[in-house]
Amino acid sequence: MTAASIADARNERQAVAVSCARKYHAMIRMLVVCAAAFALAGTAIAQAPPAQRADPRSVRLRGDRFKPLSYDEMTPAQKTMLAHLLAGPRAGANGPFNVLLRSPEIGDLGQEFGASTRFKSSLPQKLYELAILVTARHWTSQYEWQAHHRSALQAGLSPAIADAIAQGRRPAGMQKDEEAVYNFVSELLNTKHVSDAAFAAAKNAFGERGVVVISAVTGW
């Protein structure tokens, strides 16, 4: 190997080393920029104001036999229950709460129980809504049906299943998990008893916790 070729090889190695060093430093700068961007984003999120909650004085309750209460008419216990409703996952007081406010100790426990069945359920949303529709149809509860029919369809329940329930018919073509919920709720409401077969199907599909959740949703 001649002196010229040795020099050329040395120069090539130096060029490769310089190129690698530049790429390394460029990568480091990019990582630093990304870290700074994430830090700024985190700061912005941390500094963002909390979601705006309704002013309790602006809440307009609905009622008929139970006159809608205004905030100024409420007792301290009623105001506490209203504050819990506004601070909770509902962030409002729509529903039966004008009535439940008449007994705020029971009403506050009731709204917390209802929120647990709705927002902390171990059931998939579609099946939770299915249980409600079966219950609403059993009691011919128009408000409950109207409030949850759309939610059930949005959660993926077949319109044909909802229509059959509305007509008082057993739906055809239910999936296995849907059938487990339908049978359990129907038996509980119609016979005040759940057969071993319906219990086992629900337990196998959703576990013991799921059985309790289905019972709670039906009762609430």
C-alpha atoms as a PDB file:
ATOM      1  CA  MET A   1       0.000   0.000   0.000  1.00  0.00           C
ATOM      2  CA  THR A   2       1.448   3.343  -1.040  1.00  0.00           C
ATOM      3  CA  ALA A   3       1.702   6.416   1.153  1.00  0.00           C
ATOM      4  CA  ALA A   4      -0.992   8.077  -0.969  1.00  0.00           C
ATOM      5  CA  SER A   5      -3.455   5.237  -0.476  1.00  0.00           C
ATOM      6  CA  ILE A   6      -2.778   5.220   3.267  1.00  0.00           C
ATOM      7  CA  ALA A   7      -3.470   8.950   3.399  1.00  0.00           C
ATOM      8  CA  ASP A   8      -6.659   8.495   1.402  1.00  0.00           C
ATOM      9  CA  ALA A   9      -7.875   5.768   3.794  1.00  0.00           C
ATOM     10  CA  ARG A  10      -7.057   7.975   6.792  1.00  0.00           C
ATOM     11  CA  ASN A  11      -8.956  10.878   5.273  1.00  0.00           C
ATOM     12  CA  GLU A  12     -11.955   8.639   4.527  1.00  0.00           C
ATOM     13  CA  ARG A  13     -12.048   7.375   8.125  1.00  0.00           C
ATOM     14  CA  GLN A  14     -11.863  10.937   9.409  1.00  0.00           C
ATOM     15  CA  ALA A  15     -14.707  11.999   7.105  1.00  0.00           C
ATOM     16  CA  VAL A  16     -16.863   9.104   8.335  1.00  0.00           C
ATOM     17  CA  ALA A  17     -16.074   9.988  11.951  1.00  0.00           C
ATOM     18  CA  VAL A  18     -16.993  13.629  11.386  1.00  0.00           C
ATOM     19  CA  SER A  19     -20.255  12.616   9.676  1.00  0.00           C
ATOM     20  CA  CYS A  20     -21.188  10.275  12.543  1.00  0.00           C
ATOM     21  CA  ALA A  21     -20.395  12.968  15.088  1.00  0.00           C
ATOM     22  CA  ARG A  22     -22.605  15.466  13.269  1.00  0.00           C
ATOM     23  CA  LYS A  23     -25.478  12.959  13.115  1.00  0.00           C
ATOM     24  CA  TYR A  24     -25.022  12.176  16.817  1.00  0.00           C
ATOM     25  CA  HIS A  25     -25.124  15.848  17.804  1.00  0.00           C
ATOM     26  CA  ALA A  26     -28.122  16.447  15.537  1.00  0.00           C
ATOM     27  CA  MET A  27     -29.935  13.565  17.236  1.00  0.00           C
ATOM     28  CA  ILE A  28     -29.098  14.967  20.668  1.00  0.00           C
ATOM     29  CA  ARG A  29     -30.419  18.399  19.665  1.00  0.00           C
ATOM     30  CA  MET A  30     -33.632  16.783  18.386  1.00  0.00           C
ATOM     31  CA  LEU A  31     -34.099  14.886  21.656  1.00  0.00           C
ATOM     32  CA  VAL A  32     -33.545  18.075  23.627  1.00  0.00           C
ATOM     33  CA  VAL A  33     -36.103  19.922  21.503  1.00  0.00           C
ATOM     34  CA  CYS A  34     -38.649  17.113  21.940  1.00  0.00           C
ATOM     35  CA  ALA A  35     -38.059  16.988  25.682  1.00  0.00           C
ATOM     36  CA  ALA A  36     -38.559  20.734  25.912  1.00  0.00           C
ATOM     37  CA  ALA A  37     -41.747  20.503  23.863  1.00  0.00           C
ATOM     38  CA  PHE A  38     -43.141  17.770  26.113  1.00  0.00           C
ATOM     39  CA  ALA A  39     -42.178  19.753  29.179  1.00  0.00           C
ATOM     40  CA  LEU A  40     -43.948  22.836  27.864  1.00  0.00           C
ATOM     41  CA  ALA A  41     -47.009  20.784  26.958  1.00  0.00           C
ATOM     42  CA  GLY A  42     -47.058  19.259  30.432  1.00  0.00           C
ATOM     43  CA  THR A  43     -46.773  22.695  31.993  1.00  0.00           C
ATOM     44  CA  ALA A  44     -49.620  23.981  29.863  1.00  0.00           C
ATOM     45  CA  ILE A  45     -51.814  21.048  30.869  1.00  0.00           C
ATOM     46  CA  ALA A  46     -50.914  21.440  34.514  1.00  0.00           C
ATOM     47  CA  GLN A  47     -51.684  25.151  34.383  1.00  0.00           C
ATOM     48  CA  ALA A  48     -54.948  24.719  32.449  1.00  0.00           C
ATOM     49  CA  PRO A  49     -57.959  25.732  34.519  1.00  0.00           C
ATOM     50  CA  PRO A  50     -60.234  22.916  35.712  1.00  0.00           C
ATOM     51  CA  ALA A  51     -63.391  22.175  33.746  1.00  0.00           C
ATOM     52  CA  GLN A  52     -66.024  24.782  34.438  1.00  0.00           C
ATOM     53  CA  ARG A  53     -68.673  23.547  36.844  1.00  0.00           C
ATOM     54  CA  ALA A  54     -72.197  24.882  36.870  1.00  0.00           C
ATOM     55  CA  ASP A  55     -73.053  27.527  39.425  1.00  0.00           C
ATOM     56  CA  PRO A  56     -75.507  25.814  41.827  1.00  0.00           C
ATOM     57  CA  ARG A  57     -77.662  28.943  41.798  1.00  0.00           C
ATOM     58  CA  SER A  58     -78.098  28.596  38.038  1.00  0.00           C
ATOM     59  CA  VAL A  59     -79.401  25.010  38.199  1.00  0.00           C
ATOM     60  CA  ARG A  60     -83.040  24.713  37.123  1.00  0.00           C
ATOM     61  CA  LEU A  61     -84.686  21.590  38.456  1.00  0.00           C
ATOM     62  CA  ARG A  62     -87.780  20.067  36.868  1.00  0.00           C
ATOM     63  CA  GLY A  63     -90.850  18.798  38.666  1.00  0.00           C
ATOM     64  CA  ASP A  64     -94.618  18.504  38.805  1.00  0.00           C
ATOM     65  CA  ARG A  65     -96.058  17.058  41.991  1.00  0.00           C
ATOM     66  CA  PHE A  66     -92.742  17.928  43.607  1.00  0.00           C
ATOM     67  CA  LYS A  67     -92.271  21.607  42.944  1.00  0.00           C
ATOM     68  CA  PRO A  68     -88.868  22.421  41.459  1.00  0.00           C
ATOM     69  CA  LEU A  69     -86.653  23.730  44.228  1.00  0.00           C
ATOM     70  CA  SER A  70     -84.609  26.867  43.817  1.00  0.00           C
ATOM     71  CA  TYR A  71     -81.201  27.091  45.416  1.00  0.00           C
ATOM     72  CA  ASP A  72     -82.371  29.669  47.934  1.00  0.00           C
ATOM     73  CA  GLU A  73     -85.158  27.352  49.083  1.00  0.00           C
ATOM     74  CA  MET A  74     -82.801  24.481  49.841  1.00  0.00           C
ATOM     75  CA  THR A  75     -81.647  23.404  53.268  1.00  0.00           C
ATOM     76  CA  PRO A  76     -77.914  23.048  53.931  1.00  0.00           C
ATOM     77  CA  ALA A  77     -78.183  19.269  53.425  1.00  0.00           C
ATOM     78  CA  GLN A  78     -79.941  19.770  50.086  1.00  0.00           C
ATOM     79  CA  LYS A  79     -77.288  22.245  48.979  1.00  0.00           C
ATOM     80  CA  THR A  80     -74.619  19.697  49.909  1.00  0.00           C
ATOM     81  CA  MET A  81     -76.297  17.036  47.796  1.00  0.00           C
ATOM     82  CA  LEU A  82     -76.574  19.453  44.859  1.00  0.00           C
ATOM     83  CA  ALA A  83     -72.890  20.328  45.221  1.00  0.00           C
ATOM     84  CA  HIS A  84     -72.016  16.620  45.091  1.00  0.00           C
ATOM     85  CA  LEU A  85     -74.094  16.206  41.923  1.00  0.00           C
ATOM     86  CA  LEU A  86     -72.362  19.116  40.217  1.00  0.00           C
ATOM     87  CA  ALA A  87     -68.907  17.973  41.299  1.00  0.00           C
ATOM     88  CA  GLY A  88     -69.515  14.357  40.285  1.00  0.00           C
ATOM     89  CA  PRO A  89     -69.345  12.694  36.870  1.00  0.00           C
ATOM     90  CA  ARG A  90     -72.862  13.859  35.938  1.00  0.00           C
ATOM     91  CA  ALA A  91     -71.875  17.512  36.440  1.00  0.00           C
ATOM     92  CA  GLY A  92     -75.584  18.329  36.581  1.00  0.00           C
ATOM     93  CA  ALA A  93     -78.894  17.594  38.264  1.00  0.00           C
ATOM     94  CA  ASN A  94     -81.022  16.239  35.425  1.00  0.00           C
ATOM     95  CA  GLY A  95     -83.071  13.182  36.282  1.00  0.00           C
ATOM     96  CA  PRO A  96     -84.940  12.292  39.474  1.00  0.00           C
ATOM     97  CA  PHE A  97     -82.957  14.565  41.727  1.00  0.00           C
ATOM     98  CA  ASN A  98     -85.606  17.208  42.326  1.00  0.00           C
ATOM     99  CA  VAL A  99     -87.553  14.425  44.061  1.00  0.00           C
ATOM    100  CA  LEU A 100     -84.564  12.874  45.836  1.00  0.00           C
ATOM    101  CA  LEU A 101     -83.568  16.265  47.209  1.00  0.00           C
ATOM    102  CA  ARG A 102     -86.624  16.049  49.489  1.00  0.00           C
ATOM    103  CA  SER A 103     -84.677  13.504  51.508  1.00  0.00           C
ATOM    104  CA  PRO A 104     -81.090  14.619  50.872  1.00  0.00           C
ATOM    105  CA  GLU A 105     -79.519  11.993  53.120  1.00  0.00           C
ATOM    106  CA  ILE A 106     -81.127   9.199  51.104  1.00  0.00           C
ATOM    107  CA  GLY A 107     -80.859  11.176  47.864  1.00  0.00           C
ATOM    108  CA  ASP A 108     -77.129  11.773  48.211  1.00  0.00           C
ATOM    109  CA  LEU A 109     -76.467   8.094  48.832  1.00  0.00           C
ATOM    110  CA  GLY A 110     -78.782   7.266  45.934  1.00  0.00           C
ATOM    111  CA  GLN A 111     -77.053   9.561  43.459  1.00  0.00           C
ATOM    112  CA  GLU A 112     -73.670   8.181  44.463  1.00  0.00           C
ATOM    113  CA  PHE A 113     -74.976   4.623  44.048  1.00  0.00           C
ATOM    114  CA  GLY A 114     -76.423   5.504  40.650  1.00  0.00           C
ATOM    115  CA  ALA A 115     -73.200   7.156  39.552  1.00  0.00           C
ATOM    116  CA  SER A 116     -71.278   4.011  40.501  1.00  0.00           C
ATOM    117  CA  THR A 117     -73.557   1.784  38.421  1.00  0.00           C
ATOM    118  CA  ARG A 118     -73.330   4.184  35.478  1.00  0.00           C
ATOM    119  CA  PHE A 119     -69.763   5.456  35.432  1.00  0.00           C
ATOM    120  CA  LYS A 120     -67.858   2.677  37.218  1.00  0.00           C
ATOM    121  CA  SER A 121     -69.655  -0.361  35.841  1.00  0.00           C
ATOM    122  CA  SER A 122     -67.643  -3.453  34.972  1.00  0.00           C
ATOM    123  CA  LEU A 123     -70.162  -4.176  32.202  1.00  0.00           C
ATOM    124  CA  PRO A 124     -69.522  -2.955  28.664  1.00  0.00           C
ATOM    125  CA  GLN A 125     -71.634   0.119  27.962  1.00  0.00           C
ATOM    126  CA  LYS A 126     -73.836  -1.706  25.450  1.00  0.00           C
ATOM    127  CA  LEU A 127     -74.810  -4.344  27.991  1.00  0.00           C
ATOM    128  CA  TYR A 128     -75.335  -1.782  30.738  1.00  0.00           C
ATOM    129  CA  GLU A 129     -77.773   0.052  28.472  1.00  0.00           C
ATOM    130  CA  LEU A 130     -79.453  -3.234  27.507  1.00  0.00           C
ATOM    131  CA  ALA A 131     -80.193  -3.981  31.165  1.00  0.00           C
ATOM    132  CA  ILE A 132     -81.719  -0.525  31.550  1.00  0.00           C
ATOM    133  CA  LEU A 133     -83.918  -0.901  28.455  1.00  0.00           C
ATOM    134  CA  VAL A 134     -85.289  -4.244  29.650  1.00  0.00           C
ATOM    135  CA  THR A 135     -86.030  -2.684  33.040  1.00  0.00           C
ATOM    136  CA  ALA A 136     -87.574   0.451  31.535  1.00  0.00           C
ATOM    137  CA  ARG A 137     -89.873  -1.628  29.325  1.00  0.00           C
ATOM    138  CA  HIS A 138     -90.931  -3.842  32.232  1.00  0.00           C
ATOM    139  CA  TRP A 139     -92.066  -0.808  34.228  1.00  0.00           C
ATOM    140  CA  THR A 140     -93.239   1.148  31.160  1.00  0.00           C
ATOM    141  CA  SER A 141     -90.944   3.940  32.293  1.00  0.00           C
ATOM    142  CA  GLN A 142     -91.115   6.373  29.402  1.00  0.00           C
ATOM    143  CA  TYR A 143     -88.535   8.774  30.792  1.00  0.00           C
ATOM    144  CA  GLU A 144     -86.002   6.020  31.403  1.00  0.00           C
ATOM    145  CA  TRP A 145     -86.580   4.551  27.958  1.00  0.00           C
ATOM    146  CA  GLN A 146     -86.188   7.881  26.176  1.00  0.00           C
ATOM    147  CA  ALA A 147     -83.097   8.738  28.207  1.00  0.00           C
ATOM    148  CA  HIS A 148     -81.306   5.466  27.435  1.00  0.00           C
ATOM    149  CA  HIS A 149     -82.611   4.271  24.051  1.00  0.00           C
ATOM    150  CA  ARG A 150     -80.278   6.590  22.148  1.00  0.00           C
ATOM    151  CA  SER A 151     -77.376   5.760  24.467  1.00  0.00           C
ATOM    152  CA  ALA A 152     -77.936   2.051  23.849  1.00  0.00           C
ATOM    153  CA  LEU A 153     -77.816   2.468  20.072  1.00  0.00           C
ATOM    154  CA  GLN A 154     -74.752   4.697  20.301  1.00  0.00           C
ATOM    155  CA  ALA A 155     -73.060   2.021  22.422  1.00  0.00           C
ATOM    156  CA  GLY A 156     -73.627  -0.535  19.663  1.00  0.00           C
ATOM    157  CA  LEU A 157     -76.869  -2.270  20.614  1.00  0.00           C
ATOM    158  CA  SER A 158     -78.757  -3.463  17.532  1.00  0.00           C
ATOM    159  CA  PRO A 159     -81.845  -1.342  16.735  1.00  0.00           C
ATOM    160  CA  ALA A 160     -83.703  -4.617  16.095  1.00  0.00           C
ATOM    161  CA  ILE A 161     -83.031  -5.730  19.668  1.00  0.00           C
ATOM    162  CA  ALA A 162     -84.205  -2.393  21.062  1.00  0.00           C
ATOM    163  CA  ASP A 163     -87.343  -2.509  18.896  1.00  0.00           C
ATOM    164  CA  ALA A 164     -88.192  -6.022  20.053  1.00  0.00           C
ATOM    165  CA  ILE A 165     -87.837  -5.002  23.688  1.00  0.00           C
ATOM    166  CA  ALA A 166     -90.047  -1.964  23.068  1.00  0.00           C
ATOM    167  CA  GLN A 167     -92.727  -4.292  21.636  1.00  0.00           C
ATOM    168  CA  GLY A 168     -92.481  -6.671  24.567  1.00  0.00           C
ATOM    169  CA  ARG A 169     -90.931  -9.450  22.474  1.00  0.00           C
ATOM    170  CA  ARG A 170     -87.847 -11.520  23.156  1.00  0.00           C
ATOM    171  CA  PRO A 171     -85.218 -10.262  20.692  1.00  0.00           C
ATOM    172  CA  ALA A 172     -83.911 -12.677  18.092  1.00  0.00           C
ATOM    173  CA  GLY A 173     -80.250 -12.942  17.134  1.00  0.00           C
ATOM    174  CA  MET A 174     -78.767 -11.771  20.415  1.00  0.00           C
ATOM    175  CA  GLN A 175     -75.084 -12.389  21.034  1.00  0.00           C
ATOM    176  CA  LYS A 176     -74.185 -14.678  23.911  1.00  0.00           C
ATOM    177  CA  ASP A 177     -73.339 -11.853  26.332  1.00  0.00           C
ATOM    178  CA  GLU A 178     -76.487  -9.930  25.367  1.00  0.00           C
ATOM    179  CA  GLU A 179     -78.599 -13.024  25.960  1.00  0.00           C
ATOM    180  CA  ALA A 180     -77.010 -13.517  29.385  1.00  0.00           C
ATOM    181  CA  VAL A 181     -77.988  -9.982  30.422  1.00  0.00           C
ATOM    182  CA  TYR A 182     -81.452 -10.188  28.881  1.00  0.00           C
ATOM    183  CA  ASN A 183     -82.289 -13.522  30.561  1.00  0.00           C
ATOM    184  CA  PHE A 184     -80.969 -12.456  33.957  1.00  0.00           C
ATOM    185  CA  VAL A 185     -82.827  -9.135  34.021  1.00  0.00           C
ATOM    186  CA  SER A 186     -86.039 -10.554  32.553  1.00  0.00           C
ATOM    187  CA  GLU A 187     -86.189 -13.380  35.080  1.00  0.00           C
ATOM    188  CA  LEU A 188     -85.378 -11.082  37.982  1.00  0.00           C
ATOM    189  CA  LEU A 189     -88.136  -8.644  37.017  1.00  0.00           C
ATOM    190  CA  ASN A 190     -90.810 -11.107  35.936  1.00  0.00           C
ATOM    191  CA  THR A 191     -90.389 -13.921  38.447  1.00  0.00           C
ATOM    192  CA  LYS A 192     -88.523 -12.107  41.252  1.00  0.00           C
ATOM    193  CA  HIS A 193     -86.094 -15.001  40.983  1.00  0.00           C
ATOM    194  CA  VAL A 194     -83.105 -15.923  38.820  1.00  0.00           C
ATOM    195  CA  SER A 195     -82.756 -19.522  37.697  1.00  0.00           C
ATOM    196  CA  ASP A 196     -79.528 -21.446  38.147  1.00  0.00           C
ATOM    197  CA  ALA A 197     -79.033 -21.452  34.379  1.00  0.00           C
ATOM    198  CA  ALA A 198     -79.428 -17.672  34.033  1.00  0.00           C
ATOM    199  CA  PHE A 199     -77.197 -17.069  37.057  1.00  0.00           C
ATOM    200  CA  ALA A 200     -74.480 -19.377  35.735  1.00  0.00           C
ATOM    201  CA  ALA A 201     -74.565 -17.751  32.288  1.00  0.00           C
ATOM    202  CA  ALA A 202     -74.189 -14.274  33.773  1.00  0.00           C
ATOM    203  CA  LYS A 203     -71.459 -15.377  36.167  1.00  0.00           C
ATOM    204  CA  ASN A 204     -69.524 -17.137  33.397  1.00  0.00           C
ATOM    205  CA  ALA A 205     -69.777 -14.083  31.159  1.00  0.00           C
ATOM    206  CA  PHE A 206     -69.146 -11.286  33.663  1.00  0.00           C
ATOM    207  CA  GLY A 207     -67.929 -12.832  36.917  1.00  0.00           C
ATOM    208  CA  GLU A 208     -69.506 -12.405  40.338  1.00  0.00           C
ATOM    209  CA  ARG A 209     -68.887  -8.678  40.204  1.00  0.00           C
ATOM    210  CA  GLY A 210     -70.828  -8.482  36.963  1.00  0.00           C
ATOM    211  CA  VAL A 211     -73.772 -10.340  38.492  1.00  0.00           C
ATOM    212  CA  VAL A 212     -73.904  -7.775  41.286  1.00  0.00           C
ATOM    213  CA  VAL A 213     -73.673  -4.912  38.775  1.00  0.00           C
ATOM    214  CA  ILE A 214     -76.550  -6.293  36.672  1.00  0.00           C
ATOM    215  CA  SER A 215     -78.676  -6.662  39.815  1.00  0.00           C
ATOM    216  CA  ALA A 216     -77.809  -3.135  40.927  1.00  0.00           C
ATOM    217  CA  VAL A 217     -78.607  -1.587  37.541  1.00  0.00           C
ATOM    218  CA  THR A 218     -81.934  -3.407  37.446  1.00  0.00           C
ATOM    219  CA  GLY A 219     -82.828  -2.261  40.941  1.00  0.00           C
ATOM    220  CA  TRP A 220     -81.713   1.348  40.502  1.00  0.00           C
END
